[in-house]
Amino acid sequence: MIRAFDWRDVGLVRALGGRGVCLDSETGLTQGCRPLADALLAYVMPGPRPPTLVWREGRQAAIGQLRHRLGQEQARLLWVAPPCDGAAAGWPPMVEQLAAQAGRRGAHNLIAEVGEGGPEFETLRAAGFAVYARQSVWKLSQPLAGAPASIGLRWAVSTDTLGVNVLYANIVPRLVQQVEPPPAPVRGLVLEQEGELIAYLDVQQGPLGFWLDPYLHPEAFALSGAVIQAALGFLNNPAGLPVYVCVRRYQDWLQELLAQLGFELLEAQAMLVKRLAVRVMESMLMPLPVVDSQATTPVVRARVTKNN
């Protein structure tokens, strides 16, 4: 049986809180997963916050949470506990209901990031998730020695939106573009060369660390090391928080560079996606007013059909 979290489940969430699997690397590494706090907030303020779901069958139990903002087409599996190998029976119904919740909230895609070859990977694939990209997460624990070179890197402004979108369209495979929108330029760093934007680094900061998503044009290959080093100099990091860089396989050449700079590989992951809606074009005949005794041509309209 699966139902929404209520006050009776506080003890269960507290007990399983340290055993969950985070399926959203950026949130887990920079913000940390707070299952009990998130569950209580959604319980007292239903609607804007996605609910926490609880599965029970006999003495077995599992808990799952989403990350989704109303109005966005992308939702993410945030956290499920206990791990798949310790709650195999609970994972399939839990994932199915989380997908249904995401669809009811208006999401078109449900995204999860998991280690390659683990039990969670196999379970999600069986639940209808497909591999859209592969990625590696790298971590820098200590600041780099020496001052970064000045190469013209700067914080992005709103007028960089077009340039960032063009760079994104030229670098990111079309399959990934279907489920991930372009990044928001106002939260990242850009590098221009001869009036063309050739590098963008999306920057996210949390209490536990920084997360960088690089988008580097092949023309910036020779400058890649300098771009990463210069970006680290822009971070307001007096506490020496770790810095994480996510490298998608379509920019695989960055991995060797990060290793040379002192980053360590945390995990190789698969980005899995479950499509919750598909666009279907079909003729929908609509009654229209008759003009001069002549009927007008039927109108063809697009309709979004939910998979859930």
C-alpha atoms as a PDB file:
ATOM      1  CA  MET A   1       0.000   0.000   0.000  1.00  0.00           C
ATOM      2  CA  ILE A   2       1.286   3.474  -0.919  1.00  0.00           C
ATOM      3  CA  ARG A   3      -0.023   6.688   0.573  1.00  0.00           C
ATOM      4  CA  ALA A   4       1.155  10.219   1.319  1.00  0.00           C
ATOM      5  CA  PHE A   5       3.260  10.874   4.413  1.00  0.00           C
ATOM      6  CA  ASP A   6       1.479  11.940   7.602  1.00  0.00           C
ATOM      7  CA  TRP A   7       2.449  12.469  11.237  1.00  0.00           C
ATOM      8  CA  ARG A   8       2.350   8.708  11.954  1.00  0.00           C
ATOM      9  CA  ASP A   9       5.376   8.220   9.666  1.00  0.00           C
ATOM     10  CA  VAL A  10       7.779  10.578  11.460  1.00  0.00           C
ATOM     11  CA  GLY A  11       9.521   7.698  13.229  1.00  0.00           C
ATOM     12  CA  LEU A  12       9.866   5.718  10.008  1.00  0.00           C
ATOM     13  CA  VAL A  13      11.380   8.619   8.079  1.00  0.00           C
ATOM     14  CA  ARG A  14      13.751   9.344  10.940  1.00  0.00           C
ATOM     15  CA  ALA A  15      14.825   5.703  11.045  1.00  0.00           C
ATOM     16  CA  LEU A  16      15.387   5.435   7.287  1.00  0.00           C
ATOM     17  CA  GLY A  17      16.770   8.955   6.820  1.00  0.00           C
ATOM     18  CA  GLY A  18      20.382   7.900   6.857  1.00  0.00           C
ATOM     19  CA  ARG A  19      19.899   4.929   4.556  1.00  0.00           C
ATOM     20  CA  GLY A  20      18.339   6.537   1.521  1.00  0.00           C
ATOM     21  CA  VAL A  21      19.652   6.753  -2.026  1.00  0.00           C
ATOM     22  CA  CYS A  22      19.875  10.259  -3.500  1.00  0.00           C
ATOM     23  CA  LEU A  23      18.991  10.237  -7.212  1.00  0.00           C
ATOM     24  CA  ASP A  24      19.678  13.943  -7.821  1.00  0.00           C
ATOM     25  CA  SER A  25      23.438  14.464  -7.534  1.00  0.00           C
ATOM     26  CA  GLU A  26      23.450  18.255  -7.611  1.00  0.00           C
ATOM     27  CA  THR A  27      20.945  18.554  -4.770  1.00  0.00           C
ATOM     28  CA  GLY A  28      22.503  15.784  -2.720  1.00  0.00           C
ATOM     29  CA  LEU A  29      26.054  17.133  -2.941  1.00  0.00           C
ATOM     30  CA  THR A  30      25.356  20.853  -2.555  1.00  0.00           C
ATOM     31  CA  GLN A  31      22.200  20.976  -0.432  1.00  0.00           C
ATOM     32  CA  GLY A  32      22.001  17.558   1.166  1.00  0.00           C
ATOM     33  CA  CYS A  33      18.854  15.452   1.363  1.00  0.00           C
ATOM     34  CA  ARG A  34      16.578  16.333   4.303  1.00  0.00           C
ATOM     35  CA  PRO A  35      13.831  13.734   4.041  1.00  0.00           C
ATOM     36  CA  LEU A  36      12.097  14.430   7.353  1.00  0.00           C
ATOM     37  CA  ALA A  37      12.163  18.225   6.996  1.00  0.00           C
ATOM     38  CA  ASP A  38      10.899  18.033   3.397  1.00  0.00           C
ATOM     39  CA  ALA A  39       8.189  15.542   4.361  1.00  0.00           C
ATOM     40  CA  LEU A  40       6.929  17.749   7.197  1.00  0.00           C
ATOM     41  CA  LEU A  41       6.928  20.889   5.035  1.00  0.00           C
ATOM     42  CA  ALA A  42       4.904  19.146   2.316  1.00  0.00           C
ATOM     43  CA  TYR A  43       2.546  17.787   4.978  1.00  0.00           C
ATOM     44  CA  VAL A  44       1.753  21.189   6.498  1.00  0.00           C
ATOM     45  CA  MET A  45       1.862  23.071   3.155  1.00  0.00           C
ATOM     46  CA  PRO A  46       0.402  20.700   0.537  1.00  0.00           C
ATOM     47  CA  GLY A  47       0.282  21.849  -3.046  1.00  0.00           C
ATOM     48  CA  PRO A  48       3.474  23.692  -4.005  1.00  0.00           C
ATOM     49  CA  ARG A  49       5.766  21.062  -2.506  1.00  0.00           C
ATOM     50  CA  PRO A  50       5.778  17.527  -3.923  1.00  0.00           C
ATOM     51  CA  PRO A  51       4.510  14.997  -1.366  1.00  0.00           C
ATOM     52  CA  THR A  52       6.552  12.309   0.338  1.00  0.00           C
ATOM     53  CA  LEU A  53       5.175   8.820  -0.319  1.00  0.00           C
ATOM     54  CA  VAL A  54       5.244   5.876   2.075  1.00  0.00           C
ATOM     55  CA  TRP A  55       4.992   2.203   1.046  1.00  0.00           C
ATOM     56  CA  ARG A  56       4.226  -0.512   3.596  1.00  0.00           C
ATOM     57  CA  GLU A  57       3.731  -4.228   3.164  1.00  0.00           C
ATOM     58  CA  GLY A  58       3.898  -6.316   6.306  1.00  0.00           C
ATOM     59  CA  ARG A  59       7.108  -5.401   8.074  1.00  0.00           C
ATOM     60  CA  GLN A  60       8.667  -3.893   4.969  1.00  0.00           C
ATOM     61  CA  ALA A  61       8.563  -0.157   4.301  1.00  0.00           C
ATOM     62  CA  ALA A  62       9.979   2.335   1.829  1.00  0.00           C
ATOM     63  CA  ILE A  63       9.857   6.111   1.408  1.00  0.00           C
ATOM     64  CA  GLY A  64      10.234   8.232  -1.738  1.00  0.00           C
ATOM     65  CA  GLN A  65      10.466  11.927  -2.584  1.00  0.00           C
ATOM     66  CA  LEU A  66      10.419  14.089  -5.720  1.00  0.00           C
ATOM     67  CA  ARG A  67      11.982  17.421  -6.587  1.00  0.00           C
ATOM     68  CA  HIS A  68       9.642  19.444  -8.780  1.00  0.00           C
ATOM     69  CA  ARG A  69       8.499  23.022  -9.082  1.00  0.00           C
ATOM     70  CA  LEU A  70       4.967  23.561 -10.329  1.00  0.00           C
ATOM     71  CA  GLY A  71       4.988  24.716 -13.924  1.00  0.00           C
ATOM     72  CA  GLN A  72       8.242  22.998 -14.876  1.00  0.00           C
ATOM     73  CA  GLU A  73       8.267  20.147 -17.382  1.00  0.00           C
ATOM     74  CA  GLN A  74      11.129  18.367 -15.601  1.00  0.00           C
ATOM     75  CA  ALA A  75      10.757  16.525 -12.295  1.00  0.00           C
ATOM     76  CA  ARG A  76      13.496  14.577 -10.536  1.00  0.00           C
ATOM     77  CA  LEU A  77      13.510  11.532  -8.353  1.00  0.00           C
ATOM     78  CA  LEU A  78      15.180  12.995  -5.286  1.00  0.00           C
ATOM     79  CA  TRP A  79      15.430  10.294  -2.649  1.00  0.00           C
ATOM     80  CA  VAL A  80      14.262   6.729  -1.994  1.00  0.00           C
ATOM     81  CA  ALA A  81      14.936   4.669   1.137  1.00  0.00           C
ATOM     82  CA  PRO A  82      16.096   2.113   1.949  1.00  0.00           C
ATOM     83  CA  PRO A  83      18.478   1.222  -0.930  1.00  0.00           C
ATOM     84  CA  CYS A  84      17.085  -0.933  -3.691  1.00  0.00           C
ATOM     85  CA  ASP A  85      18.873  -4.093  -2.558  1.00  0.00           C
ATOM     86  CA  GLY A  86      17.318  -3.677   0.890  1.00  0.00           C
ATOM     87  CA  ALA A  87      13.766  -2.891  -0.272  1.00  0.00           C
ATOM     88  CA  ALA A  88      13.477  -4.515  -3.689  1.00  0.00           C
ATOM     89  CA  ALA A  89       9.748  -5.138  -3.266  1.00  0.00           C
ATOM     90  CA  GLY A  90       9.024  -1.488  -2.464  1.00  0.00           C
ATOM     91  CA  TRP A  91      10.984   0.187  -5.245  1.00  0.00           C
ATOM     92  CA  PRO A  92       8.796  -0.670  -8.295  1.00  0.00           C
ATOM     93  CA  PRO A  93       5.476   0.515  -6.792  1.00  0.00           C
ATOM     94  CA  MET A  94       7.191   3.515  -5.190  1.00  0.00           C
ATOM     95  CA  VAL A  95       8.801   4.641  -8.459  1.00  0.00           C
ATOM     96  CA  GLU A  96       5.528   4.114 -10.329  1.00  0.00           C
ATOM     97  CA  GLN A  97       3.591   6.284  -7.883  1.00  0.00           C
ATOM     98  CA  LEU A  98       6.264   8.991  -7.839  1.00  0.00           C
ATOM     99  CA  ALA A  99       6.033   9.113 -11.643  1.00  0.00           C
ATOM    100  CA  ALA A 100       2.253   9.386 -11.382  1.00  0.00           C
ATOM    101  CA  GLN A 101       2.583  12.240  -8.878  1.00  0.00           C
ATOM    102  CA  ALA A 102       5.019  14.054 -11.183  1.00  0.00           C
ATOM    103  CA  GLY A 103       2.619  13.663 -14.106  1.00  0.00           C
ATOM    104  CA  ARG A 104      -0.311  15.018 -12.088  1.00  0.00           C
ATOM    105  CA  ARG A 105       1.794  18.039 -11.172  1.00  0.00           C
ATOM    106  CA  GLY A 106       2.335  18.806 -14.864  1.00  0.00           C
ATOM    107  CA  ALA A 107       5.808  17.338 -15.410  1.00  0.00           C
ATOM    108  CA  HIS A 108       6.542  15.789 -18.790  1.00  0.00           C
ATOM    109  CA  ASN A 109       9.792  14.041 -17.838  1.00  0.00           C
ATOM    110  CA  LEU A 110      11.025  12.309 -14.685  1.00  0.00           C
ATOM    111  CA  ILE A 111      14.815  12.253 -14.331  1.00  0.00           C
ATOM    112  CA  ALA A 112      17.007  10.102 -12.100  1.00  0.00           C
ATOM    113  CA  GLU A 113      20.806   9.862 -11.794  1.00  0.00           C
ATOM    114  CA  VAL A 114      22.171   6.502 -10.670  1.00  0.00           C
ATOM    115  CA  GLY A 115      25.470   4.670 -10.595  1.00  0.00           C
ATOM    116  CA  GLU A 116      26.010   2.478 -13.621  1.00  0.00           C
ATOM    117  CA  GLY A 117      25.414  -1.208 -13.047  1.00  0.00           C
ATOM    118  CA  GLY A 118      23.861  -0.921  -9.579  1.00  0.00           C
ATOM    119  CA  PRO A 119      20.531  -2.419  -8.482  1.00  0.00           C
ATOM    120  CA  GLU A 120      18.810   0.976  -8.734  1.00  0.00           C
ATOM    121  CA  PHE A 121      19.842   1.208 -12.396  1.00  0.00           C
ATOM    122  CA  GLU A 122      18.279  -2.150 -13.242  1.00  0.00           C
ATOM    123  CA  THR A 123      15.102  -1.414 -11.276  1.00  0.00           C
ATOM    124  CA  LEU A 124      14.549   1.949 -12.962  1.00  0.00           C
ATOM    125  CA  ARG A 125      15.187   0.485 -16.401  1.00  0.00           C
ATOM    126  CA  ALA A 126      12.525  -2.143 -15.675  1.00  0.00           C
ATOM    127  CA  ALA A 127      10.165   0.688 -14.613  1.00  0.00           C
ATOM    128  CA  GLY A 128      10.336   2.324 -18.047  1.00  0.00           C
ATOM    129  CA  PHE A 129      13.315   4.664 -17.633  1.00  0.00           C
ATOM    130  CA  ALA A 130      15.695   5.013 -20.591  1.00  0.00           C
ATOM    131  CA  VAL A 131      19.335   6.119 -20.658  1.00  0.00           C
ATOM    132  CA  TYR A 132      19.556   9.605 -22.159  1.00  0.00           C
ATOM    133  CA  ALA A 133      23.128  10.451 -21.172  1.00  0.00           C
ATOM    134  CA  ARG A 134      26.083   9.177 -19.202  1.00  0.00           C
ATOM    135  CA  GLN A 135      28.106  11.394 -16.932  1.00  0.00           C
ATOM    136  CA  SER A 136      30.895  11.479 -14.379  1.00  0.00           C
ATOM    137  CA  VAL A 137      30.959  13.550 -11.204  1.00  0.00           C
ATOM    138  CA  TRP A 138      34.351  14.954 -10.159  1.00  0.00           C
ATOM    139  CA  LYS A 139      35.254  16.518  -6.817  1.00  0.00           C
ATOM    140  CA  LEU A 140      37.901  19.061  -5.824  1.00  0.00           C
ATOM    141  CA  SER A 141      38.421  19.000  -2.076  1.00  0.00           C
ATOM    142  CA  GLN A 142      41.292  21.481  -1.783  1.00  0.00           C
ATOM    143  CA  PRO A 143      41.718  24.853  -3.525  1.00  0.00           C
ATOM    144  CA  LEU A 144      44.163  24.890  -6.421  1.00  0.00           C
ATOM    145  CA  ALA A 145      47.524  26.503  -5.743  1.00  0.00           C
ATOM    146  CA  GLY A 146      48.438  29.698  -7.551  1.00  0.00           C
ATOM    147  CA  ALA A 147      46.394  32.538  -8.993  1.00  0.00           C
ATOM    148  CA  PRO A 148      44.209  31.707 -12.002  1.00  0.00           C
ATOM    149  CA  ALA A 149      45.145  33.210 -15.336  1.00  0.00           C
ATOM    150  CA  SER A 150      43.110  36.151 -16.613  1.00  0.00           C
ATOM    151  CA  ILE A 151      41.428  34.925 -19.792  1.00  0.00           C
ATOM    152  CA  GLY A 152      38.362  37.181 -19.916  1.00  0.00           C
ATOM    153  CA  LEU A 153      35.936  34.936 -18.055  1.00  0.00           C
ATOM    154  CA  ARG A 154      33.093  36.930 -16.493  1.00  0.00           C
ATOM    155  CA  TRP A 155      29.709  36.506 -14.849  1.00  0.00           C
ATOM    156  CA  ALA A 156      26.900  36.200 -17.391  1.00  0.00           C
ATOM    157  CA  VAL A 157      24.226  38.860 -17.799  1.00  0.00           C
ATOM    158  CA  SER A 158      20.744  38.714 -19.304  1.00  0.00           C
ATOM    159  CA  THR A 159      22.019  39.783 -22.733  1.00  0.00           C
ATOM    160  CA  ASP A 160      24.060  36.560 -22.902  1.00  0.00           C
ATOM    161  CA  THR A 161      20.886  34.457 -23.121  1.00  0.00           C
ATOM    162  CA  LEU A 162      20.984  34.066 -26.895  1.00  0.00           C
ATOM    163  CA  GLY A 163      24.672  33.171 -26.909  1.00  0.00           C
ATOM    164  CA  VAL A 164      24.212  30.576 -24.163  1.00  0.00           C
ATOM    165  CA  ASN A 165      21.248  29.039 -25.994  1.00  0.00           C
ATOM    166  CA  VAL A 166      23.227  28.818 -29.247  1.00  0.00           C
ATOM    167  CA  LEU A 167      26.171  27.216 -27.435  1.00  0.00           C
ATOM    168  CA  TYR A 168      23.823  24.763 -25.724  1.00  0.00           C
ATOM    169  CA  ALA A 169      22.188  23.838 -29.047  1.00  0.00           C
ATOM    170  CA  ASN A 170      25.570  23.236 -30.690  1.00  0.00           C
ATOM    171  CA  ILE A 171      26.996  21.071 -27.895  1.00  0.00           C
ATOM    172  CA  VAL A 172      24.203  19.104 -26.257  1.00  0.00           C
ATOM    173  CA  PRO A 173      22.826  16.134 -28.236  1.00  0.00           C
ATOM    174  CA  ARG A 174      19.275  16.504 -29.505  1.00  0.00           C
ATOM    175  CA  LEU A 175      18.103  13.561 -27.390  1.00  0.00           C
ATOM    176  CA  VAL A 176      19.191  15.311 -24.190  1.00  0.00           C
ATOM    177  CA  GLN A 177      17.716  18.622 -25.341  1.00  0.00           C
ATOM    178  CA  GLN A 178      14.308  16.931 -25.394  1.00  0.00           C
ATOM    179  CA  VAL A 179      14.343  16.493 -21.618  1.00  0.00           C
ATOM    180  CA  GLU A 180      16.676  19.221 -20.318  1.00  0.00           C
ATOM    181  CA  PRO A 181      16.118  22.917 -21.080  1.00  0.00           C
ATOM    182  CA  PRO A 182      19.016  25.316 -21.663  1.00  0.00           C
ATOM    183  CA  PRO A 183      20.638  26.606 -18.457  1.00  0.00           C
ATOM    184  CA  ALA A 184      19.759  30.007 -17.021  1.00  0.00           C
ATOM    185  CA  PRO A 185      22.588  32.364 -18.087  1.00  0.00           C
ATOM    186  CA  VAL A 186      22.272  34.722 -15.120  1.00  0.00           C
ATOM    187  CA  ARG A 187      23.726  32.139 -12.730  1.00  0.00           C
ATOM    188  CA  GLY A 188      26.897  31.227 -14.624  1.00  0.00           C
ATOM    189  CA  LEU A 189      30.207  32.300 -16.130  1.00  0.00           C
ATOM    190  CA  VAL A 190      30.848  33.002 -19.802  1.00  0.00           C
ATOM    191  CA  LEU A 191      33.846  33.401 -22.096  1.00  0.00           C
ATOM    192  CA  GLU A 192      33.689  35.192 -25.435  1.00  0.00           C
ATOM    193  CA  GLN A 193      36.133  35.036 -28.308  1.00  0.00           C
ATOM    194  CA  GLU A 194      35.842  37.383 -31.303  1.00  0.00           C
ATOM    195  CA  GLY A 195      32.273  38.205 -30.329  1.00  0.00           C
ATOM    196  CA  GLU A 196      31.189  34.577 -30.057  1.00  0.00           C
ATOM    197  CA  LEU A 197      30.407  32.857 -26.767  1.00  0.00           C
ATOM    198  CA  ILE A 198      32.613  29.734 -26.602  1.00  0.00           C
ATOM    199  CA  ALA A 199      32.260  28.665 -22.964  1.00  0.00           C
ATOM    200  CA  TYR A 200      29.592  28.726 -20.300  1.00  0.00           C
ATOM    201  CA  LEU A 201      29.770  27.238 -16.807  1.00  0.00           C
ATOM    202  CA  ASP A 202      26.493  26.890 -14.939  1.00  0.00           C
ATOM    203  CA  VAL A 203      27.187  27.505 -11.229  1.00  0.00           C
ATOM    204  CA  GLN A 204      25.069  26.267  -8.329  1.00  0.00           C
ATOM    205  CA  GLN A 205      26.009  26.953  -4.702  1.00  0.00           C
ATOM    206  CA  GLY A 206      24.727  25.264  -1.574  1.00  0.00           C
ATOM    207  CA  PRO A 207      25.746  24.983   2.069  1.00  0.00           C
ATOM    208  CA  LEU A 208      27.708  21.809   1.305  1.00  0.00           C
ATOM    209  CA  GLY A 209      29.535  22.810  -1.862  1.00  0.00           C
ATOM    210  CA  PHE A 210      29.522  24.176  -5.415  1.00  0.00           C
ATOM    211  CA  TRP A 211      28.288  22.430  -8.565  1.00  0.00           C
ATOM    212  CA  LEU A 212      29.554  23.311 -12.047  1.00  0.00           C
ATOM    213  CA  ASP A 213      28.018  22.189 -15.346  1.00  0.00           C
ATOM    214  CA  PRO A 214      30.451  23.085 -18.155  1.00  0.00           C
ATOM    215  CA  TYR A 215      29.406  23.815 -21.729  1.00  0.00           C
ATOM    216  CA  LEU A 216      32.583  24.271 -23.760  1.00  0.00           C
ATOM    217  CA  HIS A 217      32.706  24.672 -27.525  1.00  0.00           C
ATOM    218  CA  PRO A 218      35.386  22.595 -29.297  1.00  0.00           C
ATOM    219  CA  GLU A 219      37.082  25.882 -30.175  1.00  0.00           C
ATOM    220  CA  ALA A 220      37.713  26.329 -26.438  1.00  0.00           C
ATOM    221  CA  PHE A 221      39.585  23.023 -26.149  1.00  0.00           C
ATOM    222  CA  ALA A 222      42.997  24.648 -25.733  1.00  0.00           C
ATOM    223  CA  LEU A 223      41.588  27.013 -23.087  1.00  0.00           C
ATOM    224  CA  SER A 224      39.703  24.378 -21.089  1.00  0.00           C
ATOM    225  CA  GLY A 225      42.198  24.154 -18.239  1.00  0.00           C
ATOM    226  CA  ALA A 226      42.401  27.920 -17.920  1.00  0.00           C
ATOM    227  CA  VAL A 227      38.607  28.200 -17.996  1.00  0.00           C
ATOM    228  CA  ILE A 228      38.184  25.732 -15.120  1.00  0.00           C
ATOM    229  CA  GLN A 229      40.938  27.365 -13.073  1.00  0.00           C
ATOM    230  CA  ALA A 230      39.561  30.858 -13.682  1.00  0.00           C
ATOM    231  CA  ALA A 231      36.055  29.700 -12.733  1.00  0.00           C
ATOM    232  CA  LEU A 232      37.314  28.434  -9.381  1.00  0.00           C
ATOM    233  CA  GLY A 233      38.696  31.914  -8.717  1.00  0.00           C
ATOM    234  CA  PHE A 234      35.227  33.435  -9.172  1.00  0.00           C
ATOM    235  CA  LEU A 235      33.619  31.266  -6.483  1.00  0.00           C
ATOM    236  CA  ASN A 236      33.000  32.918  -3.129  1.00  0.00           C
ATOM    237  CA  ASN A 237      34.426  30.052  -1.127  1.00  0.00           C
ATOM    238  CA  PRO A 238      36.209  31.254   2.035  1.00  0.00           C
ATOM    239  CA  ALA A 239      35.183  28.079   3.883  1.00  0.00           C
ATOM    240  CA  GLY A 240      36.934  25.884   1.329  1.00  0.00           C
ATOM    241  CA  LEU A 241      33.811  23.918   0.389  1.00  0.00           C
ATOM    242  CA  PRO A 242      34.262  21.132  -2.167  1.00  0.00           C
ATOM    243  CA  VAL A 243      33.649  21.906  -5.828  1.00  0.00           C
ATOM    244  CA  TYR A 244      31.905  19.341  -8.031  1.00  0.00           C
ATOM    245  CA  VAL A 245      32.026  19.249 -11.821  1.00  0.00           C
ATOM    246  CA  CYS A 246      29.595  17.148 -13.853  1.00  0.00           C
ATOM    247  CA  VAL A 247      31.061  15.930 -17.142  1.00  0.00           C
ATOM    248  CA  ARG A 248      28.709  14.460 -19.718  1.00  0.00           C
ATOM    249  CA  ARG A 249      30.160  11.911 -22.131  1.00  0.00           C
ATOM    250  CA  TYR A 250      29.715  14.258 -25.081  1.00  0.00           C
ATOM    251  CA  GLN A 251      32.484  16.347 -23.416  1.00  0.00           C
ATOM    252  CA  ASP A 252      34.522  13.337 -22.349  1.00  0.00           C
ATOM    253  CA  TRP A 253      37.824  15.061 -23.032  1.00  0.00           C
ATOM    254  CA  LEU A 254      37.297  17.145 -19.874  1.00  0.00           C
ATOM    255  CA  GLN A 255      37.818  14.116 -17.629  1.00  0.00           C
ATOM    256  CA  GLU A 256      41.563  13.835 -18.177  1.00  0.00           C
ATOM    257  CA  LEU A 257      41.902  17.587 -17.701  1.00  0.00           C
ATOM    258  CA  LEU A 258      40.089  17.507 -14.341  1.00  0.00           C
ATOM    259  CA  ALA A 259      42.275  14.648 -13.153  1.00  0.00           C
ATOM    260  CA  GLN A 260      45.370  16.686 -14.042  1.00  0.00           C
ATOM    261  CA  LEU A 261      43.995  19.655 -12.081  1.00  0.00           C
ATOM    262  CA  GLY A 262      43.595  17.570  -8.923  1.00  0.00           C
ATOM    263  CA  PHE A 263      39.923  16.581  -9.084  1.00  0.00           C
ATOM    264  CA  GLU A 264      38.977  13.069  -8.002  1.00  0.00           C
ATOM    265  CA  LEU A 265      36.355  10.914  -9.693  1.00  0.00           C
ATOM    266  CA  LEU A 266      33.361  10.321  -7.411  1.00  0.00           C
ATOM    267  CA  GLU A 267      31.066   8.218  -9.577  1.00  0.00           C
ATOM    268  CA  ALA A 268      30.188   7.300 -13.141  1.00  0.00           C
ATOM    269  CA  GLN A 269      26.443   7.678 -13.590  1.00  0.00           C
ATOM    270  CA  ALA A 270      23.623   7.223 -16.043  1.00  0.00           C
ATOM    271  CA  MET A 271      21.000   9.928 -16.488  1.00  0.00           C
ATOM    272  CA  LEU A 272      17.737   8.003 -16.781  1.00  0.00           C
ATOM    273  CA  VAL A 273      14.501   9.552 -18.010  1.00  0.00           C
ATOM    274  CA  LYS A 274      10.907   8.379 -17.936  1.00  0.00           C
ATOM    275  CA  ARG A 275       8.712  10.256 -20.377  1.00  0.00           C
ATOM    276  CA  LEU A 276       5.414  11.154 -18.732  1.00  0.00           C
ATOM    277  CA  ALA A 277       3.782  12.856 -21.729  1.00  0.00           C
ATOM    278  CA  VAL A 278       4.032  12.653 -25.479  1.00  0.00           C
ATOM    279  CA  ARG A 279       2.834  15.109 -28.094  1.00  0.00           C
ATOM    280  CA  VAL A 280       0.316  13.579 -30.505  1.00  0.00           C
ATOM    281  CA  MET A 281      -0.871  15.348 -33.628  1.00  0.00           C
ATOM    282  CA  GLU A 282      -4.383  14.333 -34.638  1.00  0.00           C
ATOM    283  CA  SER A 283      -7.292  15.963 -36.383  1.00  0.00           C
ATOM    284  CA  MET A 284      -9.880  17.407 -34.035  1.00  0.00           C
ATOM    285  CA  LEU A 285     -12.932  18.582 -35.937  1.00  0.00           C
ATOM    286  CA  MET A 286     -14.391  21.715 -34.389  1.00  0.00           C
ATOM    287  CA  PRO A 287     -17.738  23.276 -35.277  1.00  0.00           C
ATOM    288  CA  LEU A 288     -17.076  26.702 -36.758  1.00  0.00           C
ATOM    289  CA  PRO A 289     -19.499  29.427 -37.834  1.00  0.00           C
ATOM    290  CA  VAL A 290     -20.719  29.192 -41.399  1.00  0.00           C
ATOM    291  CA  VAL A 291     -19.610  32.113 -43.520  1.00  0.00           C
ATOM    292  CA  ASP A 292     -21.621  32.778 -46.670  1.00  0.00           C
ATOM    293  CA  SER A 293     -23.112  29.289 -46.437  1.00  0.00           C
ATOM    294  CA  GLN A 294     -19.611  27.761 -46.733  1.00  0.00           C
ATOM    295  CA  ALA A 295     -18.122  25.627 -43.948  1.00  0.00           C
ATOM    296  CA  THR A 296     -14.518  26.362 -43.086  1.00  0.00           C
ATOM    297  CA  THR A 297     -11.695  23.791 -43.089  1.00  0.00           C
ATOM    298  CA  PRO A 298     -11.336  21.695 -39.894  1.00  0.00           C
ATOM    299  CA  VAL A 299      -8.523  22.816 -37.608  1.00  0.00           C
ATOM    300  CA  VAL A 300      -5.685  20.448 -36.631  1.00  0.00           C
ATOM    301  CA  ARG A 301      -4.616  20.952 -33.017  1.00  0.00           C
ATOM    302  CA  ALA A 302      -1.811  19.538 -30.878  1.00  0.00           C
ATOM    303  CA  ARG A 303      -2.806  17.562 -27.843  1.00  0.00           C
ATOM    304  CA  VAL A 304      -0.537  16.428 -25.002  1.00  0.00           C
ATOM    305  CA  THR A 305      -1.325  12.904 -23.870  1.00  0.00           C
ATOM    306  CA  LYS A 306      -0.178  11.736 -20.445  1.00  0.00           C
ATOM    307  CA  ASN A 307       1.563   8.371 -20.235  1.00  0.00           C
ATOM    308  CA  ASN A 308       0.529   7.880 -16.597  1.00  0.00           C
END
